Amino acid sequence: MSKPTTMRWRTLLAAGALALGLAGCVGVYKGAGASINSSTRLDDTPRIAVISAFEPELKLLLARLQGPAKHSVNGVEFTTGTLEGKPVVLFLSGISMTNATMNTQLVLNRFRVTSIVFSGIAGGVNPSLHVGDVTVPAQWGQYLEVLMARETAPGKYTAPPFIKDATFPNFGMVHPRPVEVRSAAKPDIARKFWFEVDPKMLEVARSIRTVDLANCSAGKCLARKPQLVIGGNGVSGQAFMDNMAFRQYTFKTFQANVLDMETAAVGMVAYSNGVPYIAFRSLSDLAGGGDGENEMGTFMGIAADNSAKVMLAFLAAWK
């Protein structure tokens, strides 16, 4: 065989080997991806998903969990076990709307979830509520899903003519809007602002009467005994809110008792998947309405434990 012919064969063989190698790599990559992203259930027991946003909110619940078993998916730790005689899976959503959306869907994909319960702290919006109070709103909306409107005259902000759903009163250039949503039951895209909690779950929450809510923790005490408030509205958004003027606007516009950074996102995922949900939120601060600095750092422990206590009472009563 001549030298040029030998070189051509060597080149073809090398190219073929490279192609096979790349094909093999692609096959390995696809296989790994399929394993990572598959929705294989980690547990077949019907369970209530119990969610908190960050670790201090989940501390009391984990301490009460019977028969804990841990599972990890995408860095999220899920702990299965029993609370108040009910099979549950506990986990942290992470703070803010995207984390809450992503990880709520993740638990629905990996576990057999019958209902969703959120327990955590929140900022108070209703001026008649106080730090330490526990709220269980009947519905949640995404109040920071907004149009940032153009200033068409000094102090006047106008929506583009093609945006017809910015119907809530605005706060300067900020015009709240509903979100696009669809579900298995209603596959056509619709716009929706309020995501209602499950009426049966809310009815059970209304029956809770005997929870002793704390007003002191680690030597720090509230001026009054906290109360449990069932019903009304809650709102969620991507911002930590500590502004008196926007707090007043939020109460006036949405008649909201509380605001947080996760629950309405959880409500939207629950709606899309047809899963009942409810949320228990205790006031750690007044979202800018209090005297002096924000109160969250001082009363977060009291609020987190009070929310968990009411949620445990709910689980004990839930059939």
Foldseek 3Di string as FASTA:
>chain_A
DDPVVVVVVVVVVVVVVVVVVVVVVVVVVVVVVCVQPALEAPDADAAEEEEEADDLLCVVVVVQFAPWDWDAHPRWIWIWGDFLRGTYIYTHQHFFQVSQLVVLVNCVSHYNYQAYEYFAAFAFQPPVADFQAKEWAQKEFAFQQWAQFDDPDVQDGDDPPVDDALPFDADRRTGGGFDWAAAPVGHDTDGDGIQGADPVLLVLLVVDDDQQQAQDDPHDGDPDGYYYYYYDYEYAYGDQAAADVVSNVCCVGRVHGTYGRHDNSSSRSCVRHVHGYIYMYGYQFNRNPDPDDTRNVPRRNSRSVRRVRSVSVSVNRPD
